[in-house]
Amino acid sequence: MIVTEARRKALACEFVESVGSEDFLTALGLRQAAIPDLRVEVEEVIVEGERVVVLVRVRGTHTGELPGLPPTGRRVCVRGVEVLRILDCEVSEHRSLFDLPGLMRQLGVLPTPGAMQTLTRQEVER
Protein backbone atom coordinates (compact mmCIF):
# COMPACT_ATOMS: atom_id res chain seq x y z
CA MET A 1 0.00 0.00 0.00
CA ILE A 2 1.33 3.44 -0.92
CA VAL A 3 0.98 5.96 1.89
CA THR A 4 1.01 9.62 0.87
CA GLU A 5 2.79 12.36 2.79
CA ALA A 6 -0.57 13.88 3.72
CA ARG A 7 -1.80 10.54 5.08
CA ARG A 8 1.42 10.06 7.11
CA LYS A 9 0.95 13.55 8.56
CA ALA A 10 -2.69 12.85 9.49
CA LEU A 11 -1.81 9.47 11.04
CA ALA A 12 1.01 11.04 13.06
CA CYS A 13 -1.25 13.80 14.41
CA GLU A 14 -3.95 11.30 15.36
CA PHE A 15 -1.40 9.08 17.09
CA VAL A 16 0.32 11.90 19.00
CA GLU A 17 -2.95 13.47 20.11
CA SER A 18 -4.25 10.11 21.35
CA VAL A 19 -1.13 8.93 23.21
CA GLY A 20 0.90 12.11 23.68
CA SER A 21 -0.20 12.87 27.25
CA GLU A 22 0.28 9.21 28.16
CA ASP A 23 3.86 9.33 26.76
CA PHE A 24 4.60 12.50 28.67
CA LEU A 25 3.42 11.01 31.96
CA THR A 26 5.25 7.74 31.29
CA ALA A 27 8.48 9.64 30.58
CA LEU A 28 8.12 11.17 34.04
CA GLY A 29 7.00 7.94 35.70
CA LEU A 30 3.72 9.62 36.69
CA ARG A 31 0.05 8.85 36.83
CA GLN A 32 -2.69 10.94 35.23
CA ALA A 33 -3.74 12.10 38.72
CA ALA A 34 -0.62 14.30 39.00
CA ILE A 35 -1.69 16.53 36.09
CA PRO A 36 -5.31 15.54 35.38
CA ASP A 37 -6.05 18.28 32.82
CA LEU A 38 -2.97 17.44 30.72
CA ARG A 39 -3.44 18.11 27.02
CA VAL A 40 -1.18 17.88 23.98
CA GLU A 41 -1.21 20.48 21.21
CA VAL A 42 0.43 19.73 17.87
CA GLU A 43 2.52 22.73 16.76
CA GLU A 44 4.22 21.43 13.63
CA VAL A 45 4.50 18.23 11.60
CA ILE A 46 7.43 17.40 9.34
CA VAL A 47 7.24 14.41 6.98
CA GLU A 48 10.32 12.94 5.29
CA GLY A 49 9.61 9.62 3.62
CA GLU A 50 8.28 7.17 6.21
CA ARG A 51 9.54 9.32 9.13
CA VAL A 52 7.33 11.92 10.76
CA VAL A 53 8.46 14.44 13.38
CA VAL A 54 5.77 16.13 15.45
CA LEU A 55 6.55 19.17 17.59
CA VAL A 56 4.16 19.36 20.53
CA ARG A 57 3.33 21.55 23.49
CA VAL A 58 2.01 19.85 26.63
CA ARG A 59 -0.04 21.91 29.10
CA GLY A 60 -1.72 21.19 32.38
CA THR A 61 -2.04 21.98 36.08
CA HIS A 62 -0.09 20.18 38.78
CA THR A 63 -2.93 19.35 41.18
CA GLY A 64 -1.97 15.80 42.14
CA GLU A 65 1.01 14.41 43.99
CA LEU A 66 4.25 13.70 42.18
CA PRO A 67 6.85 11.42 43.77
CA GLY A 68 8.28 13.57 46.57
CA LEU A 69 6.41 16.71 45.49
CA PRO A 70 2.99 17.67 46.83
CA PRO A 71 0.58 19.46 44.47
CA THR A 72 1.74 22.99 43.65
CA GLY A 73 -1.31 24.17 41.73
CA ARG A 74 1.08 25.55 39.11
CA ARG A 75 0.21 25.54 35.44
CA VAL A 76 2.93 23.99 33.33
CA CYS A 77 3.75 24.18 29.65
CA VAL A 78 6.44 21.93 28.19
CA ARG A 79 7.54 21.39 24.62
CA GLY A 80 8.40 18.03 23.16
CA VAL A 81 9.21 16.12 20.00
CA GLU A 82 7.58 12.89 18.84
CA VAL A 83 9.40 10.91 16.14
CA LEU A 84 7.39 8.25 14.34
CA ARG A 85 7.96 5.79 11.53
CA ILE A 86 4.81 5.00 9.60
CA LEU A 87 4.63 1.91 7.42
CA ASP A 88 1.45 0.69 5.71
CA CYS A 89 -0.70 3.19 7.65
CA GLU A 90 0.62 1.89 10.99
CA VAL A 91 3.00 3.48 13.48
CA SER A 92 5.89 0.99 13.54
CA GLU A 93 8.29 3.04 15.69
CA HIS A 94 7.73 5.82 18.17
CA ARG A 95 10.10 7.91 20.31
CA SER A 96 9.40 10.91 22.53
CA LEU A 97 11.59 13.63 23.96
CA PHE A 98 10.29 16.27 26.39
CA ASP A 99 11.88 19.22 28.19
CA LEU A 100 11.82 17.60 31.62
CA PRO A 101 14.27 20.08 33.21
CA GLY A 102 11.94 22.86 32.02
CA LEU A 103 9.03 21.14 33.73
CA MET A 104 11.01 20.76 36.97
CA ARG A 105 11.89 24.48 36.89
CA GLN A 106 8.22 25.38 36.40
CA LEU A 107 7.30 23.25 39.41
CA GLY A 108 10.00 24.88 41.54
CA VAL A 109 12.09 21.71 41.88
CA LEU A 110 15.06 23.11 39.91
CA PRO A 111 16.24 26.73 40.02
CA THR A 112 15.78 28.88 36.97
CA PRO A 113 19.05 29.51 35.10
CA GLY A 114 19.15 33.20 36.14
CA ALA A 115 18.70 32.27 39.81
CA MET A 116 21.79 30.09 39.95
CA GLN A 117 24.52 31.52 42.15
CA THR A 118 27.96 32.15 40.75
CA LEU A 119 30.68 30.99 43.11
CA THR A 120 34.05 32.64 43.33
CA ARG A 121 37.16 30.50 42.98
CA GLN A 122 37.81 30.84 46.73
CA GLU A 123 34.32 29.54 47.56
CA VAL A 124 34.77 26.54 45.28
CA GLU A 125 38.17 25.69 46.81
CA ARG A 126 36.82 25.71 50.39
C-alpha atoms as a PDB file:
ATOM      1  CA  MET A   1       0.000   0.000   0.000  1.00  0.00           C
ATOM      2  CA  ILE A   2       1.329   3.436  -0.916  1.00  0.00           C
ATOM      3  CA  VAL A   3       0.983   5.956   1.893  1.00  0.00           C
ATOM      4  CA  THR A   4       1.005   9.615   0.869  1.00  0.00           C
ATOM      5  CA  GLU A   5       2.793  12.359   2.788  1.00  0.00           C
ATOM      6  CA  ALA A   6      -0.568  13.883   3.723  1.00  0.00           C
ATOM      7  CA  ARG A   7      -1.799  10.542   5.082  1.00  0.00           C
ATOM      8  CA  ARG A   8       1.421  10.061   7.113  1.00  0.00           C
ATOM      9  CA  LYS A   9       0.945  13.553   8.555  1.00  0.00           C
ATOM     10  CA  ALA A  10      -2.686  12.846   9.492  1.00  0.00           C
ATOM     11  CA  LEU A  11      -1.807   9.470  11.040  1.00  0.00           C
ATOM     12  CA  ALA A  12       1.006  11.037  13.063  1.00  0.00           C
ATOM     13  CA  CYS A  13      -1.248  13.796  14.413  1.00  0.00           C
ATOM     14  CA  GLU A  14      -3.952  11.297  15.362  1.00  0.00           C
ATOM     15  CA  PHE A  15      -1.396   9.080  17.090  1.00  0.00           C
ATOM     16  CA  VAL A  16       0.320  11.901  18.999  1.00  0.00           C
ATOM     17  CA  GLU A  17      -2.946  13.472  20.108  1.00  0.00           C
ATOM     18  CA  SER A  18      -4.251  10.107  21.349  1.00  0.00           C
ATOM     19  CA  VAL A  19      -1.131   8.929  23.208  1.00  0.00           C
ATOM     20  CA  GLY A  20       0.903  12.111  23.684  1.00  0.00           C
ATOM     21  CA  SER A  21      -0.195  12.866  27.247  1.00  0.00           C
ATOM     22  CA  GLU A  22       0.283   9.210  28.157  1.00  0.00           C
ATOM     23  CA  ASP A  23       3.860   9.334  26.760  1.00  0.00           C
ATOM     24  CA  PHE A  24       4.597  12.501  28.673  1.00  0.00           C
ATOM     25  CA  LEU A  25       3.418  11.008  31.958  1.00  0.00           C
ATOM     26  CA  THR A  26       5.255   7.737  31.286  1.00  0.00           C
ATOM     27  CA  ALA A  27       8.479   9.637  30.582  1.00  0.00           C
ATOM     28  CA  LEU A  28       8.120  11.173  34.040  1.00  0.00           C
ATOM     29  CA  GLY A  29       7.002   7.939  35.703  1.00  0.00           C
ATOM     30  CA  LEU A  30       3.715   9.618  36.689  1.00  0.00           C
ATOM     31  CA  ARG A  31       0.048   8.847  36.835  1.00  0.00           C
ATOM     32  CA  GLN A  32      -2.688  10.937  35.228  1.00  0.00           C
ATOM     33  CA  ALA A  33      -3.744  12.098  38.724  1.00  0.00           C
ATOM     34  CA  ALA A  34      -0.618  14.302  38.999  1.00  0.00           C
ATOM     35  CA  ILE A  35      -1.694  16.534  36.090  1.00  0.00           C
ATOM     36  CA  PRO A  36      -5.314  15.544  35.379  1.00  0.00           C
ATOM     37  CA  ASP A  37      -6.051  18.279  32.820  1.00  0.00           C
ATOM     38  CA  LEU A  38      -2.975  17.439  30.722  1.00  0.00           C
ATOM     39  CA  ARG A  39      -3.438  18.115  27.019  1.00  0.00           C
ATOM     40  CA  VAL A  40      -1.184  17.878  23.985  1.00  0.00           C
ATOM     41  CA  GLU A  41      -1.209  20.478  21.215  1.00  0.00           C
ATOM     42  CA  VAL A  42       0.434  19.735  17.869  1.00  0.00           C
ATOM     43  CA  GLU A  43       2.521  22.733  16.758  1.00  0.00           C
ATOM     44  CA  GLU A  44       4.222  21.432  13.626  1.00  0.00           C
ATOM     45  CA  VAL A  45       4.495  18.235  11.604  1.00  0.00           C
ATOM     46  CA  ILE A  46       7.427  17.404   9.340  1.00  0.00           C
ATOM     47  CA  VAL A  47       7.237  14.406   6.981  1.00  0.00           C
ATOM     48  CA  GLU A  48      10.315  12.940   5.291  1.00  0.00           C
ATOM     49  CA  GLY A  49       9.614   9.616   3.620  1.00  0.00           C
ATOM     50  CA  GLU A  50       8.279   7.168   6.213  1.00  0.00           C
ATOM     51  CA  ARG A  51       9.539   9.322   9.131  1.00  0.00           C
ATOM     52  CA  VAL A  52       7.327  11.919  10.764  1.00  0.00           C
ATOM     53  CA  VAL A  53       8.459  14.441  13.375  1.00  0.00           C
ATOM     54  CA  VAL A  54       5.769  16.130  15.447  1.00  0.00           C
ATOM     55  CA  LEU A  55       6.551  19.170  17.593  1.00  0.00           C
ATOM     56  CA  VAL A  56       4.158  19.360  20.527  1.00  0.00           C
ATOM     57  CA  ARG A  57       3.327  21.554  23.492  1.00  0.00           C
ATOM     58  CA  VAL A  58       2.008  19.848  26.628  1.00  0.00           C
ATOM     59  CA  ARG A  59      -0.036  21.914  29.104  1.00  0.00           C
ATOM     60  CA  GLY A  60      -1.723  21.192  32.382  1.00  0.00           C
ATOM     61  CA  THR A  61      -2.036  21.980  36.079  1.00  0.00           C
ATOM     62  CA  HIS A  62      -0.087  20.178  38.778  1.00  0.00           C
ATOM     63  CA  THR A  63      -2.932  19.353  41.182  1.00  0.00           C
ATOM     64  CA  GLY A  64      -1.974  15.797  42.141  1.00  0.00           C
ATOM     65  CA  GLU A  65       1.005  14.414  43.992  1.00  0.00           C
ATOM     66  CA  LEU A  66       4.248  13.699  42.177  1.00  0.00           C
ATOM     67  CA  PRO A  67       6.854  11.419  43.773  1.00  0.00           C
ATOM     68  CA  GLY A  68       8.285  13.573  46.566  1.00  0.00           C
ATOM     69  CA  LEU A  69       6.411  16.708  45.489  1.00  0.00           C
ATOM     70  CA  PRO A  70       2.987  17.668  46.828  1.00  0.00           C
ATOM     71  CA  PRO A  71       0.584  19.456  44.468  1.00  0.00           C
ATOM     72  CA  THR A  72       1.739  22.986  43.654  1.00  0.00           C
ATOM     73  CA  GLY A  73      -1.309  24.175  41.731  1.00  0.00           C
ATOM     74  CA  ARG A  74       1.085  25.546  39.114  1.00  0.00           C
ATOM     75  CA  ARG A  75       0.211  25.542  35.440  1.00  0.00           C
ATOM     76  CA  VAL A  76       2.928  23.987  33.333  1.00  0.00           C
ATOM     77  CA  CYS A  77       3.748  24.182  29.648  1.00  0.00           C
ATOM     78  CA  VAL A  78       6.439  21.930  28.195  1.00  0.00           C
ATOM     79  CA  ARG A  79       7.544  21.388  24.620  1.00  0.00           C
ATOM     80  CA  GLY A  80       8.404  18.032  23.156  1.00  0.00           C
ATOM     81  CA  VAL A  81       9.205  16.116  19.999  1.00  0.00           C
ATOM     82  CA  GLU A  82       7.577  12.894  18.839  1.00  0.00           C
ATOM     83  CA  VAL A  83       9.402  10.905  16.145  1.00  0.00           C
ATOM     84  CA  LEU A  84       7.386   8.255  14.341  1.00  0.00           C
ATOM     85  CA  ARG A  85       7.962   5.787  11.532  1.00  0.00           C
ATOM     86  CA  ILE A  86       4.805   5.000   9.604  1.00  0.00           C
ATOM     87  CA  LEU A  87       4.634   1.911   7.417  1.00  0.00           C
ATOM     88  CA  ASP A  88       1.448   0.687   5.711  1.00  0.00           C
ATOM     89  CA  CYS A  89      -0.704   3.189   7.646  1.00  0.00           C
ATOM     90  CA  GLU A  90       0.623   1.889  10.986  1.00  0.00           C
ATOM     91  CA  VAL A  91       2.998   3.479  13.479  1.00  0.00           C
ATOM     92  CA  SER A  92       5.887   0.993  13.539  1.00  0.00           C
ATOM     93  CA  GLU A  93       8.294   3.036  15.692  1.00  0.00           C
ATOM     94  CA  HIS A  94       7.731   5.825  18.167  1.00  0.00           C
ATOM     95  CA  ARG A  95      10.095   7.906  20.310  1.00  0.00           C
ATOM     96  CA  SER A  96       9.399  10.911  22.534  1.00  0.00           C
ATOM     97  CA  LEU A  97      11.588  13.630  23.964  1.00  0.00           C
ATOM     98  CA  PHE A  98      10.289  16.266  26.390  1.00  0.00           C
ATOM     99  CA  ASP A  99      11.882  19.223  28.188  1.00  0.00           C
ATOM    100  CA  LEU A 100      11.818  17.598  31.623  1.00  0.00           C
ATOM    101  CA  PRO A 101      14.274  20.078  33.205  1.00  0.00           C
ATOM    102  CA  GLY A 102      11.943  22.861  32.022  1.00  0.00           C
ATOM    103  CA  LEU A 103       9.028  21.139  33.734  1.00  0.00           C
ATOM    104  CA  MET A 104      11.005  20.756  36.967  1.00  0.00           C
ATOM    105  CA  ARG A 105      11.892  24.477  36.887  1.00  0.00           C
ATOM    106  CA  GLN A 106       8.221  25.385  36.399  1.00  0.00           C
ATOM    107  CA  LEU A 107       7.300  23.248  39.411  1.00  0.00           C
ATOM    108  CA  GLY A 108      10.000  24.882  41.536  1.00  0.00           C
ATOM    109  CA  VAL A 109      12.090  21.711  41.879  1.00  0.00           C
ATOM    110  CA  LEU A 110      15.056  23.107  39.911  1.00  0.00           C
ATOM    111  CA  PRO A 111      16.242  26.727  40.018  1.00  0.00           C
ATOM    112  CA  THR A 112      15.781  28.885  36.966  1.00  0.00           C
ATOM    113  CA  PRO A 113      19.055  29.509  35.102  1.00  0.00           C
ATOM    114  CA  GLY A 114      19.146  33.196  36.143  1.00  0.00           C
ATOM    115  CA  ALA A 115      18.702  32.274  39.806  1.00  0.00           C
ATOM    116  CA  MET A 116      21.794  30.095  39.952  1.00  0.00           C
ATOM    117  CA  GLN A 117      24.517  31.519  42.153  1.00  0.00           C
ATOM    118  CA  THR A 118      27.962  32.154  40.748  1.00  0.00           C
ATOM    119  CA  LEU A 119      30.678  30.987  43.107  1.00  0.00           C
ATOM    120  CA  THR A 120      34.047  32.636  43.333  1.00  0.00           C
ATOM    121  CA  ARG A 121      37.163  30.499  42.976  1.00  0.00           C
ATOM    122  CA  GLN A 122      37.809  30.838  46.728  1.00  0.00           C
ATOM    123  CA  GLU A 123      34.325  29.542  47.563  1.00  0.00           C
ATOM    124  CA  VAL A 124      34.769  26.543  45.280  1.00  0.00           C
ATOM    125  CA  GLU A 125      38.165  25.693  46.807  1.00  0.00           C
ATOM    126  CA  ARG A 126      36.820  25.711  50.390  1.00  0.00           C
END
